[in-house]
Structure formats: structure tokens, C-alpha cells
Protein backbone atom coordinates (compact mmCIF):
# COMPACT_ATOMS: atom_id res chain seq x y z
CA UNK A 1 0.00 0.00 0.00
CA UNK A 2 1.28 3.45 -0.94
CA UNK A 3 1.15 5.32 2.36
CA UNK A 4 1.28 8.85 0.93
CA UNK A 5 -1.96 8.39 -1.03
CA UNK A 6 -5.04 9.57 0.86
CA UNK A 7 -8.65 10.35 0.01
CA UNK A 8 -11.23 12.31 2.00
CA UNK A 9 -14.58 10.94 3.23
CA UNK A 10 -16.44 12.94 0.55
CA UNK A 11 -14.15 11.58 -2.15
CA UNK A 12 -14.89 8.05 -0.91
CA UNK A 13 -18.62 8.85 -0.91
CA UNK A 14 -18.35 10.17 -4.47
CA UNK A 15 -16.46 7.12 -5.72
CA UNK A 16 -18.96 4.73 -4.14
CA UNK A 17 -21.88 6.64 -5.64
CA UNK A 18 -20.33 6.67 -9.11
CA UNK A 19 -19.42 2.99 -8.78
CA UNK A 20 -22.88 1.92 -7.63
CA UNK A 21 -24.72 3.96 -10.25
CA UNK A 22 -22.16 2.94 -12.90
CA UNK A 23 -23.80 0.39 -15.18
CA UNK A 24 -26.77 -0.31 -12.89
CA UNK A 25 -28.72 2.66 -14.28
CA UNK A 26 -27.71 1.68 -17.81
CA UNK A 27 -29.14 -1.83 -18.06
CA UNK A 28 -32.67 -3.20 -17.37
CA UNK A 29 -32.15 -4.08 -13.70
CA UNK A 30 -34.65 -6.24 -11.84
CA UNK A 31 -37.08 -6.54 -14.77
CA UNK A 32 -37.80 -10.21 -14.02
CA UNK A 33 -39.98 -8.88 -11.18
CA UNK A 34 -41.90 -6.79 -13.74
CA UNK A 35 -43.58 -3.73 -12.19
CA UNK A 36 -42.07 -4.61 -8.80
CA UNK A 37 -38.52 -4.21 -10.14
CA UNK A 38 -37.98 -1.06 -8.07
CA UNK A 39 -38.71 -3.05 -4.89
CA UNK A 40 -35.98 -5.55 -5.73
CA UNK A 41 -33.47 -2.67 -5.74
CA UNK A 42 -34.42 -1.59 -2.22
CA UNK A 43 -34.23 -5.15 -0.88
CA UNK A 44 -30.92 -5.64 -2.68
CA UNK A 45 -29.74 -2.43 -1.03
CA UNK A 46 -30.56 -3.89 2.40
CA UNK A 47 -28.48 -6.96 1.49
CA UNK A 48 -25.71 -4.61 0.37
CA UNK A 49 -25.67 -2.92 3.77
CA UNK A 50 -25.21 -6.30 5.47
CA UNK A 51 -22.37 -7.20 3.11
CA UNK A 52 -20.65 -3.85 3.57
CA UNK A 53 -20.91 -4.29 7.35
CA UNK A 54 -18.71 -7.38 6.97
CA UNK A 55 -16.21 -5.48 4.81
CA UNK A 56 -16.18 -2.62 7.33
CA UNK A 57 -15.58 -5.01 10.24
CA UNK A 58 -12.54 -6.49 8.48
CA UNK A 59 -11.28 -3.00 7.58
CA UNK A 60 -11.62 -1.83 11.19
CA UNK A 61 -9.71 -4.90 12.37
CA UNK A 62 -6.91 -4.42 9.81
CA UNK A 63 -7.05 -0.72 8.82
CA UNK A 64 -3.58 -0.68 7.26
CA UNK A 65 -3.99 -3.85 5.19
CA UNK A 66 -5.69 -4.55 1.89
CA UNK A 67 -8.01 -7.54 1.47
CA UNK A 68 -5.11 -9.59 0.09
CA UNK A 69 -3.07 -8.65 3.15
CA UNK A 70 -5.46 -9.67 5.91
CA UNK A 71 -6.51 -12.83 4.07
CA UNK A 72 -2.93 -14.04 4.54
CA UNK A 73 -3.07 -13.11 8.22
CA UNK A 74 -6.40 -14.84 8.86
CA UNK A 75 -6.19 -17.86 6.53
CA UNK A 76 -2.44 -18.29 6.35
CA UNK A 77 0.02 -17.32 3.63
CA UNK A 78 -0.62 -20.20 1.20
CA UNK A 79 -4.43 -20.12 1.20
CA UNK A 80 -4.40 -16.31 1.43
CA UNK A 81 -2.17 -16.10 -1.66
CA UNK A 82 -4.37 -18.49 -3.66
CA UNK A 83 -7.53 -16.60 -2.75
CA UNK A 84 -5.76 -13.33 -3.50
CA UNK A 85 -5.04 -14.51 -7.06
CA UNK A 86 -8.69 -15.54 -7.40
CA UNK A 87 -9.83 -12.07 -6.31
CA UNK A 88 -7.50 -10.37 -8.80
CA UNK A 89 -9.01 -12.46 -11.61
CA UNK A 90 -12.50 -11.70 -10.30
CA UNK A 91 -11.84 -7.96 -10.36
CA UNK A 92 -10.41 -8.12 -13.88
CA UNK A 93 -13.54 -10.02 -14.93
CA UNK A 94 -15.71 -7.31 -13.35
CA UNK A 95 -13.78 -4.58 -15.15
CA UNK A 96 -14.11 -6.46 -18.44
CA UNK A 97 -17.88 -6.90 -18.03
CA UNK A 98 -18.46 -3.23 -17.24
CA UNK A 99 -16.18 -2.15 -20.07
CA UNK A 100 -18.22 -4.31 -22.46
CA UNK A 101 -21.44 -2.70 -21.17
CA UNK A 102 -20.07 0.73 -22.07
CA UNK A 103 -18.81 -0.44 -25.46
CA UNK A 104 -22.21 -1.91 -26.38
CA UNK A 105 -23.83 1.42 -25.57
CA UNK A 106 -21.25 3.42 -27.53
CA UNK A 107 -21.65 1.07 -30.48
CA UNK A 108 -25.23 2.32 -30.91
CA UNK A 109 -23.90 5.80 -31.71
CA UNK A 110 -20.59 4.89 -33.36
CA UNK A 111 -21.84 1.97 -35.43
CA UNK A 112 -19.14 2.39 -38.10
CA UNK A 113 -16.31 2.48 -35.55
CA UNK A 114 -14.90 -0.96 -34.64
CA UNK A 115 -15.69 -1.87 -31.07
CA UNK A 116 -12.03 -2.58 -30.27
CA UNK A 117 -11.13 1.02 -31.19
CA UNK A 118 -13.74 2.30 -28.72
CA UNK A 119 -12.33 -0.15 -26.19
CA UNK A 120 -8.78 1.12 -26.64
CA UNK A 121 -9.90 4.71 -26.12
CA UNK A 122 -11.85 3.89 -22.98
CA UNK A 123 -9.31 1.56 -21.39
CA UNK A 124 -6.59 4.09 -22.24
CA UNK A 125 -8.36 6.65 -20.05
CA UNK A 126 -8.69 4.04 -17.29
CA UNK A 127 -4.97 3.18 -17.56
CA UNK A 128 -4.04 6.85 -17.24
CA UNK A 129 -6.20 7.15 -14.11
CA UNK A 130 -4.49 4.10 -12.60
CA UNK A 131 -1.06 5.60 -13.27
CA UNK A 132 -2.13 8.78 -11.47
CA UNK A 133 -3.33 6.85 -8.40
CA UNK A 134 -6.35 6.66 -6.12
CA UNK A 135 -5.86 10.20 -4.80
CA UNK A 136 -6.25 11.73 -8.26
CA UNK A 137 -9.15 9.40 -9.03
CA UNK A 138 -10.82 10.52 -5.81
CA UNK A 139 -10.42 14.23 -6.61
CA UNK A 140 -11.77 13.68 -10.12
CA UNK A 141 -14.66 11.65 -8.73
CA UNK A 142 -15.84 14.32 -6.33
CA UNK A 143 -15.86 16.96 -9.07
CA UNK A 144 -17.77 14.74 -11.46
CA UNK A 145 -20.21 13.61 -8.75
CA UNK A 146 -21.27 17.20 -8.11
CA UNK A 147 -21.81 17.71 -11.85
CA UNK A 148 -23.72 14.41 -12.05
CA UNK A 149 -25.95 15.38 -9.14
CA UNK A 150 -26.87 18.72 -10.69
CA UNK A 151 -27.47 17.22 -14.14
CA UNK A 152 -29.52 14.42 -12.59
CA UNK A 153 -31.84 16.91 -10.89
CA UNK A 154 -32.22 18.77 -14.19
CA UNK A 155 -32.94 15.52 -16.05
CA UNK A 156 -35.61 14.55 -13.50
CA UNK A 157 -37.36 17.92 -13.76
CA UNK A 158 -37.35 17.79 -17.57
CA UNK A 159 -38.80 14.27 -17.50
CA UNK A 160 -41.55 15.25 -15.07
CA UNK A 161 -42.48 18.33 -17.12
CA UNK A 162 -42.61 16.39 -20.39
CA UNK A 163 -46.31 15.94 -21.26
CA UNK A 164 -47.85 12.45 -21.04
CA UNK A 165 -44.52 10.84 -20.20
CA UNK A 166 -44.73 9.56 -16.63
CA UNK A 167 -47.75 7.28 -16.04
CA UNK A 168 -47.81 5.99 -12.49
CA UNK A 169 -50.59 3.53 -13.28
CA UNK A 170 -48.05 1.42 -15.20
CA UNK A 171 -46.41 0.54 -11.88
CA UNK A 172 -49.68 -0.96 -10.64
CA UNK A 173 -50.66 -3.39 -9.29
CA UNK A 174 -47.94 -3.80 -6.69
CA UNK A 175 -47.04 -7.40 -5.84
CA UNK A 176 -49.48 -8.76 -8.40
CA UNK A 177 -47.67 -12.12 -8.36
CA UNK A 178 -46.70 -12.05 -4.68
CA UNK A 179 -43.26 -11.84 -3.08
CA UNK A 180 -41.66 -14.89 -4.74
CA UNK A 181 -40.68 -13.18 -8.06
CA UNK A 182 -39.30 -10.24 -6.05
CA UNK A 183 -37.06 -12.34 -3.79
CA UNK A 184 -36.00 -14.53 -6.73
CA UNK A 185 -34.88 -11.42 -8.64
CA UNK A 186 -33.06 -10.08 -5.58
CA UNK A 187 -31.11 -13.35 -5.32
CA UNK A 188 -30.36 -13.59 -9.04
CA UNK A 189 -29.58 -9.92 -9.71
CA UNK A 190 -29.94 -6.96 -7.38
CA UNK A 191 -28.19 -8.21 -4.25
CA UNK A 192 -24.94 -8.80 -6.13
CA UNK A 193 -25.36 -6.12 -8.79
CA UNK A 194 -24.40 -3.50 -7.89
CA UNK A 195 -24.22 -3.88 -4.10
CA UNK A 196 -22.16 -7.07 -3.85
CA UNK A 197 -19.53 -5.45 -6.06
CA UNK A 198 -18.66 -3.18 -3.14
CA UNK A 199 -16.02 -5.75 -2.19
CA UNK A 200 -13.78 -3.67 -4.50
CA UNK A 201 -13.65 -0.98 -1.84
CA UNK A 202 -11.68 -3.30 0.44
CA UNK A 203 -8.79 -1.95 -1.65
CA UNK A 204 -9.87 1.70 -1.31
CA UNK A 205 -10.86 2.01 2.37
CA UNK A 206 -7.24 1.77 3.65
CA UNK A 207 -6.47 5.04 1.84
CA UNK A 208 -9.17 6.97 3.72
CA UNK A 209 -7.58 9.80 5.70
CA UNK A 210 -10.05 9.28 8.57
CA UNK A 211 -10.56 5.54 9.03
CA UNK A 212 -13.29 6.02 11.64
CA UNK A 213 -15.65 7.49 9.04
CA UNK A 214 -15.37 4.53 6.64
CA UNK A 215 -18.49 2.62 7.71
CA UNK A 216 -20.65 5.72 8.02
CA UNK A 217 -19.63 7.02 4.59
CA UNK A 218 -20.12 3.64 2.95
CA UNK A 219 -23.51 3.13 4.58
CA UNK A 220 -24.70 6.59 3.50
CA UNK A 221 -23.50 6.04 -0.07
CA UNK A 222 -25.22 2.64 -0.34
CA UNK A 223 -28.49 4.09 0.94
CA UNK A 224 -28.32 7.08 -1.41
CA UNK A 225 -27.34 5.07 -4.47
CA UNK A 226 -29.95 2.39 -3.76
CA UNK A 227 -32.73 4.97 -3.52
CA UNK A 228 -31.59 6.67 -6.73
CA UNK A 229 -31.40 3.40 -8.67
CA UNK A 230 -34.84 2.38 -7.37
CA UNK A 231 -36.22 5.77 -8.44
CA UNK A 232 -34.72 5.43 -11.93
CA UNK A 233 -36.22 1.93 -12.33
CA UNK A 234 -39.57 3.19 -11.01
CA UNK A 235 -39.53 5.96 -13.61
CA UNK A 236 -38.51 3.53 -16.38
CA UNK A 237 -41.56 1.40 -15.61
CA UNK A 238 -43.78 4.50 -15.43
CA UNK A 239 -42.54 5.85 -18.76
CA UNK A 240 -41.90 2.73 -20.85
CA UNK A 241 -44.21 0.16 -19.26
CA UNK A 242 -43.15 -3.35 -18.25
CA UNK A 243 -43.28 -4.92 -21.73
CA UNK A 244 -41.12 -2.25 -23.39
CA UNK A 245 -38.76 -2.18 -20.41
CA UNK A 246 -38.15 -5.93 -20.71
CA UNK A 247 -37.40 -5.59 -24.43
CA UNK A 248 -35.10 -2.58 -24.04
CA UNK A 249 -31.35 -3.13 -23.91
CA UNK A 250 -30.66 0.32 -22.46
CA UNK A 251 -33.93 1.59 -20.88
CA UNK A 252 -32.42 4.80 -19.50
CA UNK A 253 -31.61 5.84 -23.04
CA UNK A 254 -35.11 4.93 -24.25
CA UNK A 255 -36.67 6.90 -21.40
CA UNK A 256 -34.50 9.96 -22.02
CA UNK A 257 -35.61 9.98 -25.66
CA UNK A 258 -39.17 10.63 -24.41
CA UNK A 259 -38.19 14.00 -22.88
CA UNK A 260 -39.83 16.83 -24.78
CA UNK A 261 -40.40 20.24 -23.24
CA UNK A 262 -41.84 22.57 -25.86
CA UNK A 263 -40.19 22.44 -29.26
CA UNK A 264 -36.66 23.18 -28.14
CA UNK A 265 -35.73 20.68 -25.39
CA UNK A 266 -35.65 17.18 -26.86
CA UNK A 267 -33.27 14.49 -28.13
CA UNK A 268 -31.20 14.54 -24.95
CA UNK A 269 -30.12 10.93 -25.37
CA UNK A 270 -26.61 11.88 -26.50
CA UNK A 271 -26.08 13.89 -23.31
CA UNK A 272 -27.42 11.01 -21.22
CA UNK A 273 -25.04 8.58 -22.94
CA UNK A 274 -22.08 10.85 -22.17
CA UNK A 275 -23.01 10.88 -18.48
CA UNK A 276 -23.52 7.13 -18.30
CA UNK A 277 -20.20 6.44 -20.04
CA UNK A 278 -18.33 8.59 -17.53
CA UNK A 279 -20.07 6.63 -14.74
CA UNK A 280 -18.97 3.43 -16.45
CA UNK A 281 -15.41 4.77 -16.63
CA UNK A 282 -15.28 5.12 -12.85
CA UNK A 283 -16.67 1.63 -12.32
CA UNK A 284 -14.14 0.07 -14.70
CA UNK A 285 -11.39 2.14 -13.07
CA UNK A 286 -12.25 1.00 -9.53
CA UNK A 287 -12.52 -2.66 -10.54
CA UNK A 288 -9.17 -2.31 -12.31
CA UNK A 289 -7.65 -0.50 -9.32
CA UNK A 290 -8.71 -3.35 -7.02
CA UNK A 291 -7.05 -5.86 -9.38
CA UNK A 292 -3.97 -3.65 -9.62
CA UNK A 293 -3.62 -3.16 -5.86
CA UNK A 294 -4.24 -6.83 -5.16
CA UNK A 295 -1.63 -8.06 -7.63
CA UNK A 296 0.86 -5.44 -6.44
CA UNK A 297 0.35 -6.53 -2.83
CA UNK A 298 0.63 -10.23 -3.67
CA UNK A 299 3.73 -10.04 -5.85
CA UNK A 300 5.37 -7.03 -4.13
CA UNK A 301 5.70 -5.19 -7.44
CA UNK A 302 5.20 -1.48 -8.08
CA UNK A 303 1.66 -0.67 -9.22
CA UNK A 304 2.89 1.34 -12.19
CA UNK A 305 4.62 -1.73 -13.61
CA UNK A 306 1.35 -3.66 -13.56
CA UNK A 307 -1.02 -1.05 -15.01
CA UNK A 308 -0.51 -1.93 -18.68
CA UNK A 309 -0.85 -5.73 -18.19
CA UNK A 310 -4.02 -5.28 -16.09
CA UNK A 311 -5.79 -2.96 -18.53
CA UNK A 312 -4.74 -5.00 -21.57
CA UNK A 313 -6.12 -8.21 -20.06
CA UNK A 314 -9.35 -6.39 -19.14
CA UNK A 315 -9.66 -5.00 -22.68
CA UNK A 316 -9.09 -8.36 -24.38
CA UNK A 317 -11.45 -10.10 -21.96
CA UNK A 318 -14.18 -7.51 -22.66
CA UNK A 319 -13.90 -8.09 -26.41
CA UNK A 320 -13.97 -11.90 -26.23
CA UNK A 321 -16.24 -12.31 -23.19
CA UNK A 322 -19.33 -12.85 -25.37
CA UNK A 323 -20.14 -12.85 -29.06
CA UNK A 324 -23.05 -10.39 -28.77
CA UNK A 325 -24.97 -8.29 -26.25
CA UNK A 326 -27.60 -10.99 -25.63
CA UNK A 327 -24.95 -13.58 -24.76
CA UNK A 328 -23.20 -10.93 -22.65
CA UNK A 329 -26.30 -10.35 -20.51
CA UNK A 330 -27.03 -14.08 -20.19
CA UNK A 331 -23.47 -14.70 -19.03
CA UNK A 332 -23.91 -11.89 -16.53
CA UNK A 333 -26.96 -13.58 -14.99
CA UNK A 334 -24.97 -16.79 -14.52
CA UNK A 335 -22.06 -14.91 -12.92
CA UNK A 336 -24.31 -13.00 -10.52
CA UNK A 337 -25.86 -16.24 -9.28
CA UNK A 338 -22.84 -18.55 -9.20
CA UNK A 339 -19.62 -16.49 -9.03
CA UNK A 340 -20.30 -13.17 -7.32
CA UNK A 341 -21.77 -14.65 -4.10
CA UNK A 342 -18.51 -16.54 -3.49
CA UNK A 343 -16.38 -13.39 -3.59
CA UNK A 344 -18.88 -10.89 -2.19
CA UNK A 345 -20.42 -12.99 0.60
CA UNK A 346 -18.93 -16.43 1.25
CA UNK A 347 -15.22 -15.59 1.55
CA UNK A 348 -15.68 -12.29 3.47
CA UNK A 349 -18.09 -14.04 5.87
CA UNK A 350 -15.59 -16.85 6.47
CA UNK A 351 -12.86 -14.26 7.01
CA UNK A 352 -14.97 -12.47 9.61
CA UNK A 353 -15.97 -15.67 11.44
CA UNK A 354 -12.40 -17.01 11.43
CA UNK A 355 -11.11 -13.69 12.73
CA UNK A 356 -13.72 -13.67 15.51
CA UNK A 357 -12.65 -17.18 16.51
CA UNK A 358 -8.96 -16.21 16.41
CA UNK A 359 -9.75 -13.16 18.52
CA UNK A 360 -11.67 -15.28 21.02
CA UNK A 361 -8.77 -17.70 21.30
CA UNK A 362 -6.37 -14.86 22.05
CA UNK A 363 -4.32 -14.84 18.84
CA UNK A 364 -4.26 -11.04 18.94
CA UNK A 365 -2.53 -11.03 22.33
CA UNK A 366 -0.02 -13.63 21.16
CA UNK A 367 0.71 -11.52 18.08
CA UNK A 368 1.26 -8.40 20.19
CA UNK A 369 3.83 -10.28 22.31
């Protein structure tokens, strides 16, 4: 860990908000629950708070260590190293998936530009951010978050003032098919995406200049981002209806195209795409930073020497991860159900329980001696 890099609580809040909103407001999230999709976000948010509580406990126990560092302390060097490698690969996979999400969206507007060219441009920006470090990324994030907040308020007002756009009756009836589809969707999608992905911040929290604020900041950011995502999904259902929402690849874009205030404010989809792509940039950057920090910690190599290999692997993986957008989304559903729970829940929970047992047996006192 580079000790001279520090971020403020607001910078951490901004990065978490940008990360959580990232691709979650881009894709049709929770649509398997139909008009109750917005409820799945709120329940997923509650699951996210529980998961982050585990991450915060481990951070408070080992405030100067990254996830890869305290895994070796708790599980032993051999198992800790093996799991550390697995986490690095997991983070690269997450970066590749989110990069592909952004590339699929950009391909709608730059249909004559090869997707790999768009990928090089985007991953090049991510690589530059990684070279500059988490402190620069944090400062950039807080500036962009303020701009995003103001533009988001403007977007909401324009949508509400667009005639015959928002139709609340399309959200009714609530719980038409009971709770089962809601909980099934939470398990398959919204608990892990985006909230389970917060495991990335196990590599960011140690750089917080006031460690005591870590849990409070994270909790506030999860609550705020969860409410915003739920509101966006609620509006998507109200504007597009369930059937069109389920058929839409990028519902936020489709909803933004409905904004029309008079004869002069319309066709704002290009502006919306620009905002979403910047959000996606931060998510790819944080996933990549977690992979970079983890590999640097495991192999005791300077981060700067690993930036190019990490971003190149992420770029190539994003291009070959699926043959089309449909296969990409289907693969994502499988990963959220079968892969993400291992890294976001199972391993952190085992780490916490093992650490509690070690603490109860007095290993801390032995270590201090």
C-alpha cells in the first residue's frame, strides 16, 4: 500500500456513488420482477448494507492492510495467496464486463467504428487514471459527482415536465404475483449487482484519511445510491411500461428519448449517454484499481509496472467475453448467481468468522507479544 496516497470521506462517498450507479442505471435491472422491479433494488440495497458491514468489520480490524493482506493473516500465507489470485481475476472479470457494457452502448452511436477502437480509447483513459493513483481518481470523482448530481436533478425535472410521459398507473398493481418473483430477482440480480460489487472498496478504504468514518460514509452512499437506482427503475416502468422495459437493452436511453419540453428541449439521449459512459469509466477504473492493488500486494511489485498488463487483459477479456450483447447479458446472470456470491459474501463471511474465533482464542494477544 502506498502510504502517501489519501482520500477524504467525501471523495470516498463520491467514488462509491459513481461505482454503484455505474452500469446499474444503464441496463434493465430487476425486470424479471416486472412492475415490482424497483422493490428488488431496495431489498438488494438492504443486502448490500449487510455485506458492507462485513467489509467494514474487516477493515476496522486491519485498517492498514488490503483484502489480500489480511486474508494471509487470517487464513495463512498459502491459502491467502491463492484466494488473492482468485480475487484479482475476479476484479479483472468485473472490469471487463463493465467495459463491455459501455462499449455496447457506444456502439449504438458509433456503429461504423470498430468496437475494439472504442475499447482502446476507454481503457486508455482508465490506464491513465491508474497511473495517477487513487488520490487523483478521488479528486476527479468528487468533481464529477457534483456535476452528475446537478445534471440528474435537471434531467428529472425535464422528465416530469414532459407531457404524457410519466404514467404511475403502469407501476400498478404492486405485488401482483406475490413476493416470490421479487425475492427470486433479488437473489439472481440486485443483491450482487451493484451492491455485492462493493467488495472492490476493500482496496480503497485503507487510503481513507479518517478511518473512523469509513463505515458511516459507505452506509450513506449505499443508501443514497440504492434509492436513486430504485427511483430510476420506477420511472422507467412508469414511462416505458413493463413490456417495453423488458425488451429494451438500455432503458435509461429509451426513457431519455421521451423527454420533450416545448419544441426546443428534446433528443437529450446523446447527453445522457455521455453521463452514463463517464459513470462506467469510474466503475471500470475502480474494478481495475482493485485488481492492480491486489496483484501489487501479492507479488510485491510497483503498481505502475502492472497497469498496462491489467488494462490489456481487461480489454481483451471484454472483447472476447461474449459474441453479442444478448450472450453478454445471459453470461452476466450466470455470474451473478454462481460467481459473485462466493467473492462478495462467502469468503468475506468466512474471514470475519475465522477472525472472531482467532480473537476469542487470544491470537491477537499472542501476536502483540
